């Protein structure tokens, strides 16, 4: 309750925005996220509707989007995000955030444009996409089953518009997909390296060629 009161204090959003601009803010937040029970704490906060909207408002700011992109390229943070999303209730919190950007603020187009302009945005999103559990466990089994999501997505497409889709969403999606394939290839290579080292030299060459063919 104390944490809620602090976060809902008038002007606290400005403090958060100022804080994330500090040089050492990312290091501090990464250290904080590695503490035990952080996922439980964030999930508990997400149960409060006012705090869900608070998170949505904070996350839509340009400085926050840049900070999020920088954070997600840090090793291990993508897995933390997936683990957080898979906790009960956080799928609903994400839908509320999307709905707020679409219907309350009508700011989704600006949020998308701002995020896609960040240098590390595509790489950050790609790391989350290829992280184990994001597609199969979260998107397919949690997010897509959220009640009312289809209507929100339709409203979102209308809000972004054809021009926004063609000029922003589609190019960013292609870049993210390409980076996702690269990351998947690197992951497969890391897993296969110990196995290849145990093979005779000629067999290593054949196996490596087959691996490159499959990834390509």
C-alpha atoms as a PDB file:
ATOM      1  CA  UNK A   1       0.000   0.000   0.000  1.00  0.00           C
ATOM      2  CA  UNK A   2       2.917   2.328   0.738  1.00  0.00           C
ATOM      3  CA  UNK A   3       4.370   1.700  -2.729  1.00  0.00           C
ATOM      4  CA  UNK A   4       0.999   2.474  -4.295  1.00  0.00           C
ATOM      5  CA  UNK A   5       0.668   5.740  -2.385  1.00  0.00           C
ATOM      6  CA  UNK A   6       4.151   6.836  -3.437  1.00  0.00           C
ATOM      7  CA  UNK A   7       3.603   5.990  -7.109  1.00  0.00           C
ATOM      8  CA  UNK A   8       0.216   7.722  -7.186  1.00  0.00           C
ATOM      9  CA  UNK A   9       1.577  10.891  -5.589  1.00  0.00           C
ATOM     10  CA  UNK A  10       1.007  13.883  -7.915  1.00  0.00           C
ATOM     11  CA  UNK A  11       4.205  14.666  -9.796  1.00  0.00           C
ATOM     12  CA  UNK A  12       5.817  11.266  -9.217  1.00  0.00           C
ATOM     13  CA  UNK A  13       5.693  10.547 -12.964  1.00  0.00           C
ATOM     14  CA  UNK A  14       7.960  13.527 -13.557  1.00  0.00           C
ATOM     15  CA  UNK A  15      10.386  12.166 -10.973  1.00  0.00           C
ATOM     16  CA  UNK A  16      10.460   8.796 -12.760  1.00  0.00           C
ATOM     17  CA  UNK A  17      11.101  10.454 -16.107  1.00  0.00           C
ATOM     18  CA  UNK A  18      13.948  12.482 -14.588  1.00  0.00           C
ATOM     19  CA  UNK A  19      15.410   9.416 -12.893  1.00  0.00           C
ATOM     20  CA  UNK A  20      15.669   7.273 -16.029  1.00  0.00           C
ATOM     21  CA  UNK A  21      17.679   9.988 -17.748  1.00  0.00           C
ATOM     22  CA  UNK A  22      20.531   9.550 -15.249  1.00  0.00           C
ATOM     23  CA  UNK A  23      23.576   7.698 -16.552  1.00  0.00           C
ATOM     24  CA  UNK A  24      23.518   4.979 -13.886  1.00  0.00           C
ATOM     25  CA  UNK A  25      19.735   4.474 -13.911  1.00  0.00           C
ATOM     26  CA  UNK A  26      19.887   1.431 -16.189  1.00  0.00           C
ATOM     27  CA  UNK A  27      22.482  -0.293 -13.981  1.00  0.00           C
ATOM     28  CA  UNK A  28      20.371   0.362 -10.894  1.00  0.00           C
ATOM     29  CA  UNK A  29      17.163  -0.945 -12.475  1.00  0.00           C
ATOM     30  CA  UNK A  30      18.893  -4.096 -13.788  1.00  0.00           C
ATOM     31  CA  UNK A  31      20.226  -4.767 -10.296  1.00  0.00           C
ATOM     32  CA  UNK A  32      16.764  -4.188  -8.842  1.00  0.00           C
ATOM     33  CA  UNK A  33      15.102  -6.562 -11.308  1.00  0.00           C
ATOM     34  CA  UNK A  34      17.504  -9.318 -10.303  1.00  0.00           C
ATOM     35  CA  UNK A  35      16.253  -9.248  -6.719  1.00  0.00           C
ATOM     36  CA  UNK A  36      14.065 -12.163  -5.545  1.00  0.00           C
ATOM     37  CA  UNK A  37      10.279 -11.700  -5.717  1.00  0.00           C
ATOM     38  CA  UNK A  38      10.430  -8.673  -8.039  1.00  0.00           C
ATOM     39  CA  UNK A  39       8.069 -10.418 -10.490  1.00  0.00           C
ATOM     40  CA  UNK A  40       5.618 -11.038  -7.645  1.00  0.00           C
ATOM     41  CA  UNK A  41       5.776  -7.390  -6.583  1.00  0.00           C
ATOM     42  CA  UNK A  42       5.176  -6.020 -10.092  1.00  0.00           C
ATOM     43  CA  UNK A  43       2.336  -8.508 -10.605  1.00  0.00           C
ATOM     44  CA  UNK A  44       0.755  -7.361  -7.344  1.00  0.00           C
ATOM     45  CA  UNK A  45       0.958  -3.747  -8.490  1.00  0.00           C
ATOM     46  CA  UNK A  46      -0.666  -4.676 -11.810  1.00  0.00           C
ATOM     47  CA  UNK A  47      -3.773  -5.890 -10.004  1.00  0.00           C
ATOM     48  CA  UNK A  48      -4.641  -2.273  -9.213  1.00  0.00           C
ATOM     49  CA  UNK A  49      -6.456  -0.660 -12.142  1.00  0.00           C
ATOM     50  CA  UNK A  50      -5.189   2.837 -11.322  1.00  0.00           C
ATOM     51  CA  UNK A  51      -1.605   1.555 -11.321  1.00  0.00           C
ATOM     52  CA  UNK A  52      -2.183  -0.218 -14.636  1.00  0.00           C
ATOM     53  CA  UNK A  53      -3.147   3.109 -16.145  1.00  0.00           C
ATOM     54  CA  UNK A  54      -0.182   4.751 -14.405  1.00  0.00           C
ATOM     55  CA  UNK A  55       2.176   2.234 -16.026  1.00  0.00           C
ATOM     56  CA  UNK A  56       0.499   2.841 -19.403  1.00  0.00           C
ATOM     57  CA  UNK A  57       0.954   6.593 -19.084  1.00  0.00           C
ATOM     58  CA  UNK A  58       4.599   6.287 -18.039  1.00  0.00           C
ATOM     59  CA  UNK A  59       5.449   3.736 -20.730  1.00  0.00           C
ATOM     60  CA  UNK A  60       4.052   5.940 -23.510  1.00  0.00           C
ATOM     61  CA  UNK A  61       6.586   8.710 -22.884  1.00  0.00           C
ATOM     62  CA  UNK A  62       9.451   9.072 -25.349  1.00  0.00           C
ATOM     63  CA  UNK A  63      12.144   8.864 -22.671  1.00  0.00           C
ATOM     64  CA  UNK A  64      10.556   5.730 -21.212  1.00  0.00           C
ATOM     65  CA  UNK A  65      10.399   4.022 -24.612  1.00  0.00           C
ATOM     66  CA  UNK A  66      14.100   4.742 -25.193  1.00  0.00           C
ATOM     67  CA  UNK A  67      14.933   3.421 -21.720  1.00  0.00           C
ATOM     68  CA  UNK A  68      12.889   0.245 -22.307  1.00  0.00           C
ATOM     69  CA  UNK A  69      14.642  -0.416 -25.635  1.00  0.00           C
ATOM     70  CA  UNK A  70      18.062  -0.011 -24.017  1.00  0.00           C
ATOM     71  CA  UNK A  71      17.083  -2.274 -21.141  1.00  0.00           C
ATOM     72  CA  UNK A  72      15.789  -5.124 -23.291  1.00  0.00           C
ATOM     73  CA  UNK A  73      19.067  -5.588 -25.149  1.00  0.00           C
ATOM     74  CA  UNK A  74      20.827  -6.340 -21.870  1.00  0.00           C
ATOM     75  CA  UNK A  75      21.518 -10.092 -21.459  1.00  0.00           C
ATOM     76  CA  UNK A  76      18.802 -11.844 -19.471  1.00  0.00           C
ATOM     77  CA  UNK A  77      16.297  -8.976 -19.411  1.00  0.00           C
ATOM     78  CA  UNK A  78      14.260 -10.504 -22.241  1.00  0.00           C
ATOM     79  CA  UNK A  79      13.797 -13.684 -20.208  1.00  0.00           C
ATOM     80  CA  UNK A  80      12.800 -11.633 -17.163  1.00  0.00           C
ATOM     81  CA  UNK A  81      10.110  -9.855 -19.206  1.00  0.00           C
ATOM     82  CA  UNK A  82       8.722 -13.159 -20.494  1.00  0.00           C
ATOM     83  CA  UNK A  83       8.710 -14.612 -16.980  1.00  0.00           C
ATOM     84  CA  UNK A  84       6.884 -11.511 -15.775  1.00  0.00           C
ATOM     85  CA  UNK A  85       4.316 -11.648 -18.585  1.00  0.00           C
ATOM     86  CA  UNK A  86       3.557 -15.297 -17.833  1.00  0.00           C
ATOM     87  CA  UNK A  87       2.541 -14.560 -14.256  1.00  0.00           C
ATOM     88  CA  UNK A  88      -1.265 -14.564 -13.783  1.00  0.00           C
ATOM     89  CA  UNK A  89      -2.871 -11.190 -14.398  1.00  0.00           C
ATOM     90  CA  UNK A  90      -0.080  -9.535 -16.348  1.00  0.00           C
ATOM     91  CA  UNK A  91      -1.619 -10.494 -19.692  1.00  0.00           C
ATOM     92  CA  UNK A  92      -4.728  -8.575 -18.650  1.00  0.00           C
ATOM     93  CA  UNK A  93      -2.548  -5.648 -17.553  1.00  0.00           C
ATOM     94  CA  UNK A  94      -0.938  -5.546 -20.997  1.00  0.00           C
ATOM     95  CA  UNK A  95      -4.355  -5.524 -22.659  1.00  0.00           C
ATOM     96  CA  UNK A  96      -5.447  -2.645 -20.412  1.00  0.00           C
ATOM     97  CA  UNK A  97      -2.315  -0.726 -21.411  1.00  0.00           C
ATOM     98  CA  UNK A  98      -3.034  -1.254 -25.104  1.00  0.00           C
ATOM     99  CA  UNK A  99      -6.687  -0.326 -24.622  1.00  0.00           C
ATOM    100  CA  UNK A 100      -5.681   2.847 -22.775  1.00  0.00           C
ATOM    101  CA  UNK A 101      -3.386   3.919 -25.625  1.00  0.00           C
ATOM    102  CA  UNK A 102      -6.100   3.183 -28.180  1.00  0.00           C
ATOM    103  CA  UNK A 103      -9.318   4.368 -26.575  1.00  0.00           C
ATOM    104  CA  UNK A 104      -8.483   6.727 -23.718  1.00  0.00           C
ATOM    105  CA  UNK A 105      -5.475   8.659 -25.003  1.00  0.00           C
ATOM    106  CA  UNK A 106      -5.657   7.801 -28.738  1.00  0.00           C
ATOM    107  CA  UNK A 107      -1.869   7.877 -28.526  1.00  0.00           C
ATOM    108  CA  UNK A 108      -1.010   4.454 -29.950  1.00  0.00           C
ATOM    109  CA  UNK A 109       0.204   5.840 -33.273  1.00  0.00           C
ATOM    110  CA  UNK A 110       2.564   8.242 -31.499  1.00  0.00           C
ATOM    111  CA  UNK A 111       3.767   5.476 -29.166  1.00  0.00           C
ATOM    112  CA  UNK A 112       4.525   3.154 -32.089  1.00  0.00           C
ATOM    113  CA  UNK A 113       6.260   5.882 -34.075  1.00  0.00           C
ATOM    114  CA  UNK A 114       8.347   6.952 -31.089  1.00  0.00           C
ATOM    115  CA  UNK A 115       9.394   3.394 -30.240  1.00  0.00           C
ATOM    116  CA  UNK A 116      10.268   2.399 -33.804  1.00  0.00           C
ATOM    117  CA  UNK A 117      12.537   5.443 -34.117  1.00  0.00           C
ATOM    118  CA  UNK A 118      14.741   4.229 -31.267  1.00  0.00           C
ATOM    119  CA  UNK A 119      18.054   2.754 -32.577  1.00  0.00           C
ATOM    120  CA  UNK A 120      17.781  -0.413 -30.455  1.00  0.00           C
ATOM    121  CA  UNK A 121      14.009  -0.932 -30.687  1.00  0.00           C
ATOM    122  CA  UNK A 122      13.957  -3.676 -33.331  1.00  0.00           C
ATOM    123  CA  UNK A 123      16.753  -5.610 -31.639  1.00  0.00           C
ATOM    124  CA  UNK A 124      15.071  -5.244 -28.241  1.00  0.00           C
ATOM    125  CA  UNK A 125      11.742  -6.556 -29.507  1.00  0.00           C
ATOM    126  CA  UNK A 126      13.440  -9.357 -31.448  1.00  0.00           C
ATOM    127  CA  UNK A 127      15.183 -10.559 -28.273  1.00  0.00           C
ATOM    128  CA  UNK A 128      11.832 -10.785 -26.486  1.00  0.00           C
ATOM    129  CA  UNK A 129      10.159 -12.557 -29.423  1.00  0.00           C
ATOM    130  CA  UNK A 130      12.782 -15.321 -29.587  1.00  0.00           C
ATOM    131  CA  UNK A 131      12.953 -15.685 -25.809  1.00  0.00           C
ATOM    132  CA  UNK A 132      11.594 -19.122 -24.769  1.00  0.00           C
ATOM    133  CA  UNK A 133       7.937 -18.993 -23.817  1.00  0.00           C
ATOM    134  CA  UNK A 134       7.000 -15.672 -25.396  1.00  0.00           C
ATOM    135  CA  UNK A 135       5.235 -16.941 -28.537  1.00  0.00           C
ATOM    136  CA  UNK A 136       3.943 -20.332 -27.412  1.00  0.00           C
ATOM    137  CA  UNK A 137       3.181 -19.752 -23.736  1.00  0.00           C
ATOM    138  CA  UNK A 138       2.344 -16.038 -23.596  1.00  0.00           C
ATOM    139  CA  UNK A 139       1.020 -14.882 -26.982  1.00  0.00           C
ATOM    140  CA  UNK A 140      -0.831 -18.033 -28.035  1.00  0.00           C
ATOM    141  CA  UNK A 141      -2.021 -19.277 -24.644  1.00  0.00           C
ATOM    142  CA  UNK A 142      -2.490 -16.047 -22.704  1.00  0.00           C
ATOM    143  CA  UNK A 143      -2.663 -12.816 -24.675  1.00  0.00           C
ATOM    144  CA  UNK A 144      -4.824 -13.993 -27.589  1.00  0.00           C
ATOM    145  CA  UNK A 145      -7.352 -15.417 -25.130  1.00  0.00           C
ATOM    146  CA  UNK A 146      -7.886 -12.049 -23.438  1.00  0.00           C
ATOM    147  CA  UNK A 147     -11.577 -11.045 -23.651  1.00  0.00           C
ATOM    148  CA  UNK A 148     -12.188  -8.058 -25.899  1.00  0.00           C
ATOM    149  CA  UNK A 149      -8.689  -8.098 -27.375  1.00  0.00           C
ATOM    150  CA  UNK A 150      -9.928  -8.503 -30.955  1.00  0.00           C
ATOM    151  CA  UNK A 151     -12.036  -5.346 -30.710  1.00  0.00           C
ATOM    152  CA  UNK A 152      -9.095  -3.407 -29.265  1.00  0.00           C
ATOM    153  CA  UNK A 153      -6.837  -4.592 -32.096  1.00  0.00           C
ATOM    154  CA  UNK A 154      -9.397  -3.488 -34.706  1.00  0.00           C
ATOM    155  CA  UNK A 155      -9.621  -0.062 -33.062  1.00  0.00           C
ATOM    156  CA  UNK A 156      -5.823   0.071 -32.959  1.00  0.00           C
ATOM    157  CA  UNK A 157      -5.507  -0.644 -36.698  1.00  0.00           C
ATOM    158  CA  UNK A 158      -8.060   2.059 -37.460  1.00  0.00           C
ATOM    159  CA  UNK A 159      -6.252   4.523 -35.195  1.00  0.00           C
ATOM    160  CA  UNK A 160      -2.840   3.845 -36.711  1.00  0.00           C
ATOM    161  CA  UNK A 161      -4.285   4.003 -40.218  1.00  0.00           C
ATOM    162  CA  UNK A 162      -3.101   2.581 -43.506  1.00  0.00           C
ATOM    163  CA  UNK A 163      -0.366   5.166 -43.850  1.00  0.00           C
ATOM    164  CA  UNK A 164       0.968   4.413 -40.386  1.00  0.00           C
ATOM    165  CA  UNK A 165       0.917   0.695 -41.107  1.00  0.00           C
ATOM    166  CA  UNK A 166       2.771   1.064 -44.410  1.00  0.00           C
ATOM    167  CA  UNK A 167       5.304   3.692 -43.317  1.00  0.00           C
ATOM    168  CA  UNK A 168       6.004   2.612 -39.735  1.00  0.00           C
ATOM    169  CA  UNK A 169       4.600  -0.738 -38.626  1.00  0.00           C
ATOM    170  CA  UNK A 170       5.415  -2.833 -41.705  1.00  0.00           C
ATOM    171  CA  UNK A 171       9.080  -1.716 -42.131  1.00  0.00           C
ATOM    172  CA  UNK A 172       9.695  -2.096 -38.395  1.00  0.00           C
ATOM    173  CA  UNK A 173       8.052  -5.518 -38.444  1.00  0.00           C
ATOM    174  CA  UNK A 174      10.293  -6.669 -41.287  1.00  0.00           C
ATOM    175  CA  UNK A 175      13.410  -5.433 -39.470  1.00  0.00           C
ATOM    176  CA  UNK A 176      12.343  -7.142 -36.250  1.00  0.00           C
ATOM    177  CA  UNK A 177      11.589 -10.396 -38.068  1.00  0.00           C
ATOM    178  CA  UNK A 178      14.992 -10.346 -39.771  1.00  0.00           C
ATOM    179  CA  UNK A 179      16.763  -9.759 -36.451  1.00  0.00           C
ATOM    180  CA  UNK A 180      14.685 -12.504 -34.831  1.00  0.00           C
ATOM    181  CA  UNK A 181      15.873 -14.976 -37.474  1.00  0.00           C
ATOM    182  CA  UNK A 182      19.471 -13.889 -36.910  1.00  0.00           C
ATOM    183  CA  UNK A 183      19.122 -14.361 -33.143  1.00  0.00           C
ATOM    184  CA  UNK A 184      17.528 -17.775 -33.652  1.00  0.00           C
ATOM    185  CA  UNK A 185      20.440 -18.722 -35.888  1.00  0.00           C
ATOM    186  CA  UNK A 186      22.959 -17.577 -33.283  1.00  0.00           C
ATOM    187  CA  UNK A 187      21.126 -19.511 -30.579  1.00  0.00           C
ATOM    188  CA  UNK A 188      21.105 -22.655 -32.691  1.00  0.00           C
ATOM    189  CA  UNK A 189      24.808 -22.201 -33.375  1.00  0.00           C
ATOM    190  CA  UNK A 190      25.616 -21.878 -29.668  1.00  0.00           C
ATOM    191  CA  UNK A 191      23.707 -25.063 -28.897  1.00  0.00           C
ATOM    192  CA  UNK A 192      25.352 -27.016 -31.721  1.00  0.00           C
ATOM    193  CA  UNK A 193      28.954 -25.920 -31.083  1.00  0.00           C
ATOM    194  CA  UNK A 194      29.676 -28.438 -28.259  1.00  0.00           C
ATOM    195  CA  UNK A 195      28.235 -31.230 -30.391  1.00  0.00           C
ATOM    196  CA  UNK A 196      30.267 -30.253 -33.448  1.00  0.00           C
ATOM    197  CA  UNK A 197      33.495 -30.190 -31.456  1.00  0.00           C
ATOM    198  CA  UNK A 198      33.061 -33.879 -30.642  1.00  0.00           C
ATOM    199  CA  UNK A 199      32.860 -34.871 -34.323  1.00  0.00           C
ATOM    200  CA  UNK A 200      35.821 -35.705 -36.607  1.00  0.00           C
ATOM    201  CA  UNK A 201      37.095 -32.785 -38.697  1.00  0.00           C
ATOM    202  CA  UNK A 202      35.396 -33.777 -41.976  1.00  0.00           C
ATOM    203  CA  UNK A 203      32.113 -34.531 -40.213  1.00  0.00           C
ATOM    204  CA  UNK A 204      32.295 -31.088 -38.590  1.00  0.00           C
ATOM    205  CA  UNK A 205      32.400 -29.477 -42.020  1.00  0.00           C
ATOM    206  CA  UNK A 206      29.408 -31.453 -43.293  1.00  0.00           C
ATOM    207  CA  UNK A 207      27.389 -30.743 -40.152  1.00  0.00           C
ATOM    208  CA  UNK A 208      28.229 -27.030 -40.294  1.00  0.00           C
ATOM    209  CA  UNK A 209      27.105 -26.772 -43.922  1.00  0.00           C
ATOM    210  CA  UNK A 210      23.819 -28.497 -43.087  1.00  0.00           C
ATOM    211  CA  UNK A 211      23.272 -26.150 -40.142  1.00  0.00           C
ATOM    212  CA  UNK A 212      23.854 -23.044 -42.277  1.00  0.00           C
ATOM    213  CA  UNK A 213      21.432 -24.393 -44.886  1.00  0.00           C
ATOM    214  CA  UNK A 214      18.695 -24.991 -42.300  1.00  0.00           C
ATOM    215  CA  UNK A 215      19.119 -21.543 -40.677  1.00  0.00           C
ATOM    216  CA  UNK A 216      19.136 -19.802 -44.073  1.00  0.00           C
END
